[in-house]
Amino acid sequence: MKTTKAISISLSPAEIRQARSLARQTNRSLSGLFREGLKLLRHERAIASEYPAAQRKVIDARIAEGLDDFREGRFHGPFDTAEDAVASMKAELKRRAAAKRVKA
């Protein structure tokens, strides 16, 4: 029993080229590419409906901040154990306290 159905869609020649190129780059068929796009759009809409627009804007800004921090190397870890994480935090606190003493 067939579980899929063929449909026809209209795309400009440029969109067809882009779709074929993206399908090749991602090792998908055109059908697979459009299925994945549909899946991502459904996911994006589900997330968008989960938070009001103003809250989403704040969340996106904080995510962008975190990514900037990561790109700039402002992060710690990963740690193998919780004890390693605590030791790192204690060392960072000591470093900051020493830096304050130098400034004063």
PDB file of N, CA and C in Angstrom:
ATOM      1  N   MET A   1       0.841  -1.175   0.000  1.00  0.00           N
ATOM      2  CA  MET A   1       0.000   0.000   0.000  1.00  0.00           C
ATOM      3  C   MET A   1       0.889   1.241   0.000  1.00  0.00           C
ATOM      4  N   LYS A   2       0.606   2.164  -0.915  1.00  0.00           N
ATOM      5  CA  LYS A   2       1.407   3.377  -1.055  1.00  0.00           C
ATOM      6  C   LYS A   2       1.092   4.352   0.080  1.00  0.00           C
ATOM      7  N   THR A   3       2.139   4.860   0.735  1.00  0.00           N
ATOM      8  CA  THR A   3       1.927   5.767   1.861  1.00  0.00           C
ATOM      9  C   THR A   3       2.224   7.217   1.491  1.00  0.00           C
ATOM     10  N   THR A   4       2.639   7.458   0.261  1.00  0.00           N
ATOM     11  CA  THR A   4       2.903   8.828  -0.183  1.00  0.00           C
ATOM     12  C   THR A   4       2.059   9.130  -1.405  1.00  0.00           C
ATOM     13  N   LYS A   5       1.920  10.414  -1.698  1.00  0.00           N
ATOM     14  CA  LYS A   5       1.162  10.834  -2.860  1.00  0.00           C
ATOM     15  C   LYS A   5       1.956  11.909  -3.586  1.00  0.00           C
ATOM     16  N   ALA A   6       2.093  11.779  -4.894  1.00  0.00           N
ATOM     17  CA  ALA A   6       2.807  12.772  -5.697  1.00  0.00           C
ATOM     18  C   ALA A   6       1.932  14.005  -5.866  1.00  0.00           C
ATOM     19  N   ILE A   7       2.554  15.185  -5.704  1.00  0.00           N
ATOM     20  CA  ILE A   7       1.842  16.445  -5.929  1.00  0.00           C
ATOM     21  C   ILE A   7       2.677  17.310  -6.857  1.00  0.00           C
ATOM     22  N   SER A   8       2.094  18.364  -7.344  1.00  0.00           N
ATOM     23  CA  SER A   8       2.789  19.291  -8.224  1.00  0.00           C
ATOM     24  C   SER A   8       2.886  20.632  -7.514  1.00  0.00           C
ATOM     25  N   ILE A   9       4.068  21.265  -7.561  1.00  0.00           N
ATOM     26  CA  ILE A   9       4.229  22.606  -7.000  1.00  0.00           C
ATOM     27  C   ILE A   9       4.853  23.496  -8.063  1.00  0.00           C
ATOM     28  N   SER A  10       4.644  24.788  -7.960  1.00  0.00           N
ATOM     29  CA  SER A  10       5.203  25.746  -8.909  1.00  0.00           C
ATOM     30  C   SER A  10       6.359  26.490  -8.266  1.00  0.00           C
ATOM     31  N   LEU A  11       7.495  26.463  -8.936  1.00  0.00           N
ATOM     32  CA  LEU A  11       8.678  27.190  -8.476  1.00  0.00           C
ATOM     33  C   LEU A  11       9.283  27.922  -9.662  1.00  0.00           C
ATOM     34  N   SER A  12       9.931  29.043  -9.386  1.00  0.00           N
ATOM     35  CA  SER A  12      10.644  29.753 -10.446  1.00  0.00           C
ATOM     36  C   SER A  12      11.888  28.947 -10.805  1.00  0.00           C
ATOM     37  N   PRO A  13      12.461  29.190 -11.982  1.00  0.00           N
ATOM     38  CA  PRO A  13      13.700  28.481 -12.339  1.00  0.00           C
ATOM     39  C   PRO A  13      14.810  28.666 -11.299  1.00  0.00           C
ATOM     40  N   ALA A  14      14.911  29.871 -10.736  1.00  0.00           N
ATOM     41  CA  ALA A  14      15.944  30.121  -9.712  1.00  0.00           C
ATOM     42  C   ALA A  14      15.673  29.286  -8.468  1.00  0.00           C
ATOM     43  N   GLU A  15      14.414  29.194  -8.056  1.00  0.00           N
ATOM     44  CA  GLU A  15      14.062  28.389  -6.879  1.00  0.00           C
ATOM     45  C   GLU A  15      14.326  26.905  -7.125  1.00  0.00           C
ATOM     46  N   ILE A  16      14.084  26.452  -8.346  1.00  0.00           N
ATOM     47  CA  ILE A  16      14.359  25.046  -8.687  1.00  0.00           C
ATOM     48  C   ILE A  16      15.854  24.774  -8.588  1.00  0.00           C
ATOM     49  N   ARG A  17      16.670  25.702  -9.137  1.00  0.00           N
ATOM     50  CA  ARG A  17      18.132  25.535  -9.042  1.00  0.00           C
ATOM     51  C   ARG A  17      18.578  25.489  -7.585  1.00  0.00           C
ATOM     52  N   GLN A  18      18.035  26.409  -6.772  1.00  0.00           N
ATOM     53  CA  GLN A  18      18.410  26.446  -5.358  1.00  0.00           C
ATOM     54  C   GLN A  18      17.989  25.159  -4.655  1.00  0.00           C
ATOM     55  N   ALA A  19      16.793  24.680  -4.944  1.00  0.00           N
ATOM     56  CA  ALA A  19      16.294  23.455  -4.309  1.00  0.00           C
ATOM     57  C   ALA A  19      17.166  22.267  -4.690  1.00  0.00           C
ATOM     58  N   ARG A  20      17.482  22.150  -5.973  1.00  0.00           N
ATOM     59  CA  ARG A  20      18.321  21.023  -6.419  1.00  0.00           C
ATOM     60  C   ARG A  20      19.709  21.092  -5.784  1.00  0.00           C
ATOM     61  N   SER A  21      20.273  22.294  -5.737  1.00  0.00           N
ATOM     62  CA  SER A  21      21.593  22.470  -5.141  1.00  0.00           C
ATOM     63  C   SER A  21      21.570  22.110  -3.655  1.00  0.00           C
ATOM     64  N   LEU A  22      20.574  22.608  -2.945  1.00  0.00           N
ATOM     65  CA  LEU A  22      20.468  22.320  -1.515  1.00  0.00           C
ATOM     66  C   LEU A  22      20.226  20.834  -1.273  1.00  0.00           C
ATOM     67  N   ALA A  23      19.434  20.206  -2.127  1.00  0.00           N
ATOM     68  CA  ALA A  23      19.188  18.767  -1.997  1.00  0.00           C
ATOM     69  C   ALA A  23      20.502  17.996  -2.159  1.00  0.00           C
ATOM     70  N   ARG A  24      21.300  18.388  -3.156  1.00  0.00           N
ATOM     71  CA  ARG A  24      22.608  17.720  -3.352  1.00  0.00           C
ATOM     72  C   ARG A  24      23.511  17.938  -2.146  1.00  0.00           C
ATOM     73  N   GLN A  25      23.573  19.194  -1.662  1.00  0.00           N
ATOM     74  CA  GLN A  25      24.454  19.531  -0.541  1.00  0.00           C
ATOM     75  C   GLN A  25      24.086  18.773   0.734  1.00  0.00           C
ATOM     76  N   THR A  26      22.803  18.514   0.908  1.00  0.00           N
ATOM     77  CA  THR A  26      22.341  17.854   2.137  1.00  0.00           C
ATOM     78  C   THR A  26      22.065  16.373   1.922  1.00  0.00           C
ATOM     79  N   ASN A  27      22.438  15.883   0.731  1.00  0.00           N
ATOM     80  CA  ASN A  27      22.288  14.462   0.401  1.00  0.00           C
ATOM     81  C   ASN A  27      20.834  13.990   0.556  1.00  0.00           C
ATOM     82  N   ARG A  28      19.908  14.808   0.020  1.00  0.00           N
ATOM     83  CA  ARG A  28      18.481  14.484   0.079  1.00  0.00           C
ATOM     84  C   ARG A  28      17.906  14.477  -1.333  1.00  0.00           C
ATOM     85  N   SER A  29      16.787  13.808  -1.485  1.00  0.00           N
ATOM     86  CA  SER A  29      16.008  13.936  -2.712  1.00  0.00           C
ATOM     87  C   SER A  29      15.243  15.257  -2.618  1.00  0.00           C
ATOM     88  N   LEU A  30      14.669  15.710  -3.726  1.00  0.00           N
ATOM     89  CA  LEU A  30      13.843  16.916  -3.656  1.00  0.00           C
ATOM     90  C   LEU A  30      12.669  16.701  -2.712  1.00  0.00           C
ATOM     91  N   SER A  31      12.081  15.520  -2.758  1.00  0.00           N
ATOM     92  CA  SER A  31      10.975  15.229  -1.836  1.00  0.00           C
ATOM     93  C   SER A  31      11.450  15.315  -0.392  1.00  0.00           C
ATOM     94  N   GLY A  32      12.608  14.733  -0.119  1.00  0.00           N
ATOM     95  CA  GLY A  32      13.165  14.769   1.229  1.00  0.00           C
ATOM     96  C   GLY A  32      13.459  16.191   1.675  1.00  0.00           C
ATOM     97  N   LEU A  33      13.956  17.015   0.735  1.00  0.00           N
ATOM     98  CA  LEU A  33      14.247  18.408   1.042  1.00  0.00           C
ATOM     99  C   LEU A  33      12.972  19.147   1.450  1.00  0.00           C
ATOM    100  N   PHE A  34      11.893  18.963   0.690  1.00  0.00           N
ATOM    101  CA  PHE A  34      10.643  19.655   1.006  1.00  0.00           C
ATOM    102  C   PHE A  34       9.989  19.095   2.270  1.00  0.00           C
ATOM    103  N   ARG A  35      10.136  17.799   2.503  1.00  0.00           N
ATOM    104  CA  ARG A  35       9.620  17.229   3.757  1.00  0.00           C
ATOM    105  C   ARG A  35      10.342  17.843   4.954  1.00  0.00           C
ATOM    106  N   GLU A  36      11.671  17.971   4.855  1.00  0.00           N
ATOM    107  CA  GLU A  36      12.459  18.560   5.929  1.00  0.00           C
ATOM    108  C   GLU A  36      12.072  20.027   6.140  1.00  0.00           C
ATOM    109  N   GLY A  37      11.874  20.763   5.042  1.00  0.00           N
ATOM    110  CA  GLY A  37      11.441  22.157   5.148  1.00  0.00           C
ATOM    111  C   GLY A  37      10.095  22.275   5.844  1.00  0.00           C
ATOM    112  N   LEU A  38       9.173  21.378   5.518  1.00  0.00           N
ATOM    113  CA  LEU A  38       7.852  21.369   6.154  1.00  0.00           C
ATOM    114  C   LEU A  38       7.987  21.075   7.646  1.00  0.00           C
ATOM    115  N   LYS A  39       8.844  20.117   7.977  1.00  0.00           N
ATOM    116  CA  LYS A  39       9.073  19.755   9.378  1.00  0.00           C
ATOM    117  C   LYS A  39       9.647  20.941  10.161  1.00  0.00           C
ATOM    118  N   LEU A  40      10.630  21.641   9.578  1.00  0.00           N
ATOM    119  CA  LEU A  40      11.232  22.801  10.244  1.00  0.00           C
ATOM    120  C   LEU A  40      10.231  23.938  10.415  1.00  0.00           C
ATOM    121  N   LEU A  41       9.392  24.158   9.408  1.00  0.00           N
ATOM    122  CA  LEU A  41       8.388  25.207   9.501  1.00  0.00           C
ATOM    123  C   LEU A  41       7.363  24.899  10.587  1.00  0.00           C
ATOM    124  N   ARG A  42       6.940  23.637  10.668  1.00  0.00           N
ATOM    125  CA  ARG A  42       6.004  23.247  11.738  1.00  0.00           C
ATOM    126  C   ARG A  42       6.637  23.460  13.103  1.00  0.00           C
ATOM    127  N   HIS A  43       7.896  23.092  13.242  1.00  0.00           N
ATOM    128  CA  HIS A  43       8.612  23.263  14.512  1.00  0.00           C
ATOM    129  C   HIS A  43       8.735  24.748  14.868  1.00  0.00           C
ATOM    130  N   GLU A  44       9.109  25.558  13.893  1.00  0.00           N
ATOM    131  CA  GLU A  44       9.254  26.997  14.114  1.00  0.00           C
ATOM    132  C   GLU A  44       7.929  27.627  14.549  1.00  0.00           C
ATOM    133  N   ARG A  45       6.847  27.228  13.917  1.00  0.00           N
ATOM    134  CA  ARG A  45       5.532  27.768  14.279  1.00  0.00           C
ATOM    135  C   ARG A  45       5.108  27.306  15.668  1.00  0.00           C
ATOM    136  N   ALA A  46       5.441  26.077  16.019  1.00  0.00           N
ATOM    137  CA  ALA A  46       5.106  25.577  17.353  1.00  0.00           C
ATOM    138  C   ALA A  46       5.834  26.382  18.416  1.00  0.00           C
ATOM    139  N   ILE A  47       7.105  26.665  18.176  1.00  0.00           N
ATOM    140  CA  ILE A  47       7.886  27.463  19.119  1.00  0.00           C
ATOM    141  C   ILE A  47       7.327  28.881  19.184  1.00  0.00           C
ATOM    142  N   ALA A  48       7.000  29.450  18.027  1.00  0.00           N
ATOM    143  CA  ALA A  48       6.481  30.814  17.986  1.00  0.00           C
ATOM    144  C   ALA A  48       5.173  30.928  18.760  1.00  0.00           C
ATOM    145  N   SER A  49       4.347  29.893  18.713  1.00  0.00           N
ATOM    146  CA  SER A  49       3.066  29.957  19.419  1.00  0.00           C
ATOM    147  C   SER A  49       3.241  29.712  20.920  1.00  0.00           C
ATOM    148  N   GLU A  50       4.392  29.178  21.305  1.00  0.00           N
ATOM    149  CA  GLU A  50       4.662  28.868  22.706  1.00  0.00           C
ATOM    150  C   GLU A  50       4.955  30.127  23.519  1.00  0.00           C
ATOM    151  N   TYR A  51       5.548  31.147  22.883  1.00  0.00           N
ATOM    152  CA  TYR A  51       5.929  32.373  23.570  1.00  0.00           C
ATOM    153  C   TYR A  51       5.350  33.577  22.829  1.00  0.00           C
ATOM    154  N   PRO A  52       4.879  34.590  23.566  1.00  0.00           N
ATOM    155  CA  PRO A  52       4.435  35.830  22.908  1.00  0.00           C
ATOM    156  C   PRO A  52       5.621  36.483  22.192  1.00  0.00           C
ATOM    157  N   ALA A  53       5.341  37.307  21.200  1.00  0.00           N
ATOM    158  CA  ALA A  53       6.390  37.914  20.375  1.00  0.00           C
ATOM    159  C   ALA A  53       7.406  38.695  21.219  1.00  0.00           C
ATOM    160  N   ALA A  54       6.937  39.449  22.199  1.00  0.00           N
ATOM    161  CA  ALA A  54       7.866  40.241  23.030  1.00  0.00           C
ATOM    162  C   ALA A  54       8.805  39.330  23.817  1.00  0.00           C
ATOM    163  N   GLN A  55       8.265  38.243  24.356  1.00  0.00           N
ATOM    164  CA  GLN A  55       9.086  37.307  25.122  1.00  0.00           C
ATOM    165  C   GLN A  55      10.068  36.592  24.193  1.00  0.00           C
ATOM    166  N   ARG A  56       9.619  36.242  23.004  1.00  0.00           N
ATOM    167  CA  ARG A  56      10.484  35.577  22.020  1.00  0.00           C
ATOM    168  C   ARG A  56      11.655  36.492  21.662  1.00  0.00           C
ATOM    169  N   LYS A  57      11.377  37.805  21.541  1.00  0.00           N
ATOM    170  CA  LYS A  57      12.431  38.763  21.205  1.00  0.00           C
ATOM    171  C   LYS A  57      13.501  38.791  22.294  1.00  0.00           C
ATOM    172  N   VAL A  58      13.083  38.777  23.545  1.00  0.00           N
ATOM    173  CA  VAL A  58      14.022  38.762  24.666  1.00  0.00           C
ATOM    174  C   VAL A  58      14.835  37.465  24.656  1.00  0.00           C
ATOM    175  N   ILE A  59      14.148  36.354  24.450  1.00  0.00           N
ATOM    176  CA  ILE A  59      14.834  35.051  24.416  1.00  0.00           C
ATOM    177  C   ILE A  59      15.866  35.023  23.300  1.00  0.00           C
ATOM    178  N   ASP A  60      15.475  35.470  22.105  1.00  0.00           N
ATOM    179  CA  ASP A  60      16.395  35.473  20.966  1.00  0.00           C
ATOM    180  C   ASP A  60      17.603  36.373  21.232  1.00  0.00           C
ATOM    181  N   ALA A  61      17.369  37.523  21.876  1.00  0.00           N
ATOM    182  CA  ALA A  61      18.476  38.435  22.198  1.00  0.00           C
ATOM    183  C   ALA A  61      19.447  37.786  23.179  1.00  0.00           C
ATOM    184  N   ARG A  62      18.907  37.092  24.175  1.00  0.00           N
ATOM    185  CA  ARG A  62      19.783  36.438  25.160  1.00  0.00           C
ATOM    186  C   ARG A  62      20.542  35.264  24.542  1.00  0.00           C
ATOM    187  N   ILE A  63      19.901  34.550  23.642  1.00  0.00           N
ATOM    188  CA  ILE A  63      20.602  33.465  22.932  1.00  0.00           C
ATOM    189  C   ILE A  63      21.738  34.057  22.108  1.00  0.00           C
ATOM    190  N   ALA A  64      21.468  35.167  21.410  1.00  0.00           N
ATOM    191  CA  ALA A  64      22.503  35.827  20.607  1.00  0.00           C
ATOM    192  C   ALA A  64      23.664  36.276  21.491  1.00  0.00           C
ATOM    193  N   GLU A  65      23.357  36.821  22.668  1.00  0.00           N
ATOM    194  CA  GLU A  65      24.407  37.218  23.624  1.00  0.00           C
ATOM    195  C   GLU A  65      25.273  36.025  24.004  1.00  0.00           C
ATOM    196  N   GLY A  66      24.613  34.919  24.316  1.00  0.00           N
ATOM    197  CA  GLY A  66      25.340  33.715  24.703  1.00  0.00           C
ATOM    198  C   GLY A  66      26.233  33.212  23.579  1.00  0.00           C
ATOM    199  N   LEU A  67      25.738  33.259  22.350  1.00  0.00           N
ATOM    200  CA  LEU A  67      26.542  32.820  21.207  1.00  0.00           C
ATOM    201  C   LEU A  67      27.729  33.756  21.002  1.00  0.00           C
ATOM    202  N   ASP A  68      27.511  35.070  21.195  1.00  0.00           N
ATOM    203  CA  ASP A  68      28.624  36.025  21.104  1.00  0.00           C
ATOM    204  C   ASP A  68      29.686  35.708  22.157  1.00  0.00           C
ATOM    205  N   ASP A  69      29.237  35.446  23.391  1.00  0.00           N
ATOM    206  CA  ASP A  69      30.168  35.081  24.458  1.00  0.00           C
ATOM    207  C   ASP A  69      30.977  33.848  24.065  1.00  0.00           C
ATOM    208  N   PHE A  70      30.296  32.856  23.525  1.00  0.00           N
ATOM    209  CA  PHE A  70      30.966  31.622  23.135  1.00  0.00           C
ATOM    210  C   PHE A  70      32.002  31.895  22.044  1.00  0.00           C
ATOM    211  N   ARG A  71      31.610  32.676  21.027  1.00  0.00           N
ATOM    212  CA  ARG A  71      32.537  32.990  19.932  1.00  0.00           C
ATOM    213  C   ARG A  71      33.762  33.757  20.436  1.00  0.00           C
ATOM    214  N   GLU A  72      33.564  34.583  21.468  1.00  0.00           N
ATOM    215  CA  GLU A  72      34.658  35.374  22.037  1.00  0.00           C
ATOM    216  C   GLU A  72      35.466  34.599  23.080  1.00  0.00           C
ATOM    217  N   GLY A  73      35.090  33.349  23.321  1.00  0.00           N
ATOM    218  CA  GLY A  73      35.835  32.526  24.269  1.00  0.00           C
ATOM    219  C   GLY A  73      35.478  32.778  25.719  1.00  0.00           C
ATOM    220  N   ARG A  74      34.358  33.458  25.963  1.00  0.00           N
ATOM    221  CA  ARG A  74      33.940  33.741  27.340  1.00  0.00           C
ATOM    222  C   ARG A  74      33.017  32.626  27.832  1.00  0.00           C
ATOM    223  N   PHE A  75      33.620  31.488  28.128  1.00  0.00           N
ATOM    224  CA  PHE A  75      32.859  30.368  28.671  1.00  0.00           C
ATOM    225  C   PHE A  75      33.814  29.462  29.440  1.00  0.00           C
ATOM    226  N   HIS A  76      33.279  28.587  30.225  1.00  0.00           N
ATOM    227  CA  HIS A  76      34.074  27.651  31.012  1.00  0.00           C
ATOM    228  C   HIS A  76      33.529  26.250  30.759  1.00  0.00           C
ATOM    229  N   GLY A  77      34.397  25.275  30.867  1.00  0.00           N
ATOM    230  CA  GLY A  77      33.954  23.900  30.710  1.00  0.00           C
ATOM    231  C   GLY A  77      34.218  23.412  29.302  1.00  0.00           C
ATOM    232  N   PRO A  78      33.727  22.241  28.977  1.00  0.00           N
ATOM    233  CA  PRO A  78      32.885  21.351  29.788  1.00  0.00           C
ATOM    234  C   PRO A  78      33.706  20.690  30.897  1.00  0.00           C
ATOM    235  N   PHE A  79      33.015  20.264  31.898  1.00  0.00           N
ATOM    236  CA  PHE A  79      33.652  19.644  33.041  1.00  0.00           C
ATOM    237  C   PHE A  79      33.255  18.171  33.106  1.00  0.00           C
ATOM    238  N   ASP A  80      34.187  17.358  33.553  1.00  0.00           N
ATOM    239  CA  ASP A  80      33.915  15.922  33.675  1.00  0.00           C
ATOM    240  C   ASP A  80      33.029  15.617  34.876  1.00  0.00           C
ATOM    241  N   THR A  81      33.176  16.421  35.940  1.00  0.00           N
ATOM    242  CA  THR A  81      32.395  16.168  37.152  1.00  0.00           C
ATOM    243  C   THR A  81      31.901  17.491  37.728  1.00  0.00           C
ATOM    244  N   ALA A  82      30.945  17.409  38.621  1.00  0.00           N
ATOM    245  CA  ALA A  82      30.462  18.605  39.315  1.00  0.00           C
ATOM    246  C   ALA A  82      31.581  19.205  40.148  1.00  0.00           C
ATOM    247  N   GLU A  83      32.422  18.348  40.723  1.00  0.00           N
ATOM    248  CA  GLU A  83      33.539  18.830  41.529  1.00  0.00           C
ATOM    249  C   GLU A  83      34.493  19.680  40.687  1.00  0.00           C
ATOM    250  N   ASP A  84      34.725  19.265  39.445  1.00  0.00           N
ATOM    251  CA  ASP A  84      35.577  20.048  38.540  1.00  0.00           C
ATOM    252  C   ASP A  84      34.951  21.421  38.276  1.00  0.00           C
ATOM    253  N   ALA A  85      33.642  21.468  38.107  1.00  0.00           N
ATOM    254  CA  ALA A  85      32.942  22.734  37.868  1.00  0.00           C
ATOM    255  C   ALA A  85      33.065  23.646  39.084  1.00  0.00           C
ATOM    256  N   VAL A  86      32.871  23.093  40.278  1.00  0.00           N
ATOM    257  CA  VAL A  86      32.984  23.882  41.509  1.00  0.00           C
ATOM    258  C   VAL A  86      34.405  24.401  41.671  1.00  0.00           C
ATOM    259  N   ALA A  87      35.393  23.574  41.409  1.00  0.00           N
ATOM    260  CA  ALA A  87      36.795  23.998  41.522  1.00  0.00           C
ATOM    261  C   ALA A  87      37.088  25.142  40.548  1.00  0.00           C
ATOM    262  N   SER A  88      36.542  25.051  39.355  1.00  0.00           N
ATOM    263  CA  SER A  88      36.730  26.110  38.363  1.00  0.00           C
ATOM    264  C   SER A  88      36.098  27.418  38.846  1.00  0.00           C
ATOM    265  N   MET A  89      34.888  27.341  39.407  1.00  0.00           N
ATOM    266  CA  MET A  89      34.216  28.542  39.912  1.00  0.00           C
ATOM    267  C   MET A  89      35.009  29.164  41.052  1.00  0.00           C
ATOM    268  N   LYS A  90      35.527  28.346  41.963  1.00  0.00           N
ATOM    269  CA  LYS A  90      36.308  28.864  43.084  1.00  0.00           C
ATOM    270  C   LYS A  90      37.578  29.549  42.583  1.00  0.00           C
ATOM    271  N   ALA A  91      38.226  28.946  41.607  1.00  0.00           N
ATOM    272  CA  ALA A  91      39.440  29.540  41.044  1.00  0.00           C
ATOM    273  C   ALA A  91      39.115  30.872  40.368  1.00  0.00           C
ATOM    274  N   GLU A  92      37.987  30.940  39.678  1.00  0.00           N
ATOM    275  CA  GLU A  92      37.578  32.184  39.025  1.00  0.00           C
ATOM    276  C   GLU A  92      37.294  33.271  40.063  1.00  0.00           C
ATOM    277  N   LEU A  93      36.647  32.916  41.169  1.00  0.00           N
ATOM    278  CA  LEU A  93      36.377  33.885  42.232  1.00  0.00           C
ATOM    279  C   LEU A  93      37.676  34.417  42.830  1.00  0.00           C
ATOM    280  N   LYS A  94      38.645  33.533  43.031  1.00  0.00           N
ATOM    281  CA  LYS A  94      39.945  33.966  43.562  1.00  0.00           C
ATOM    282  C   LYS A  94      40.633  34.910  42.577  1.00  0.00           C
ATOM    283  N   ARG A  95      40.552  34.593  41.302  1.00  0.00           N
ATOM    284  CA  ARG A  95      41.173  35.433  40.276  1.00  0.00           C
ATOM    285  C   ARG A  95      40.527  36.818  40.280  1.00  0.00           C
ATOM    286  N   ARG A  96      39.209  36.887  40.364  1.00  0.00           N
ATOM    287  CA  ARG A  96      38.510  38.163  40.385  1.00  0.00           C
ATOM    288  C   ARG A  96      38.837  38.974  41.647  1.00  0.00           C
ATOM    289  N   ALA A  97      38.918  38.285  42.787  1.00  0.00           N
ATOM    290  CA  ALA A  97      39.252  38.975  44.035  1.00  0.00           C
ATOM    291  C   ALA A  97      40.662  39.563  43.944  1.00  0.00           C
ATOM    292  N   ALA A  98      41.593  38.809  43.383  1.00  0.00           N
ATOM    293  CA  ALA A  98      42.971  39.309  43.220  1.00  0.00           C
ATOM    294  C   ALA A  98      43.001  40.506  42.282  1.00  0.00           C
ATOM    295  N   ALA A  99      42.220  40.470  41.225  1.00  0.00           N
ATOM    296  CA  ALA A  99      42.175  41.582  40.263  1.00  0.00           C
ATOM    297  C   ALA A  99      41.607  42.830  40.921  1.00  0.00           C
ATOM    298  N   LYS A 100      40.616  42.669  41.809  1.00  0.00           N
ATOM    299  CA  LYS A 100      40.050  43.824  42.534  1.00  0.00           C
ATOM    300  C   LYS A 100      41.101  44.445  43.447  1.00  0.00           C
ATOM    301  N   ARG A 101      41.901  43.598  44.136  1.00  0.00           N
ATOM    302  CA  ARG A 101      42.931  44.105  45.048  1.00  0.00           C
ATOM    303  C   ARG A 101      43.967  44.923  44.283  1.00  0.00           C
ATOM    304  N   VAL A 102      44.292  44.502  43.077  1.00  0.00           N
ATOM    305  CA  VAL A 102      45.290  45.202  42.265  1.00  0.00           C
ATOM    306  C   VAL A 102      44.754  46.584  41.865  1.00  0.00           C
ATOM    307  N   LYS A 103      43.462  46.674  41.534  1.00  0.00           N
ATOM    308  CA  LYS A 103      42.842  47.939  41.138  1.00  0.00           C
ATOM    309  C   LYS A 103      42.777  48.929  42.300  1.00  0.00           C
ATOM    310  N   ALA A 104      42.536  48.426  43.501  1.00  0.00           N
ATOM    311  CA  ALA A 104      42.333  49.316  44.676  1.00  0.00           C
ATOM    312  C   ALA A 104      43.610  49.862  45.219  1.00  0.00           C
TER     313      ALA A 104
END
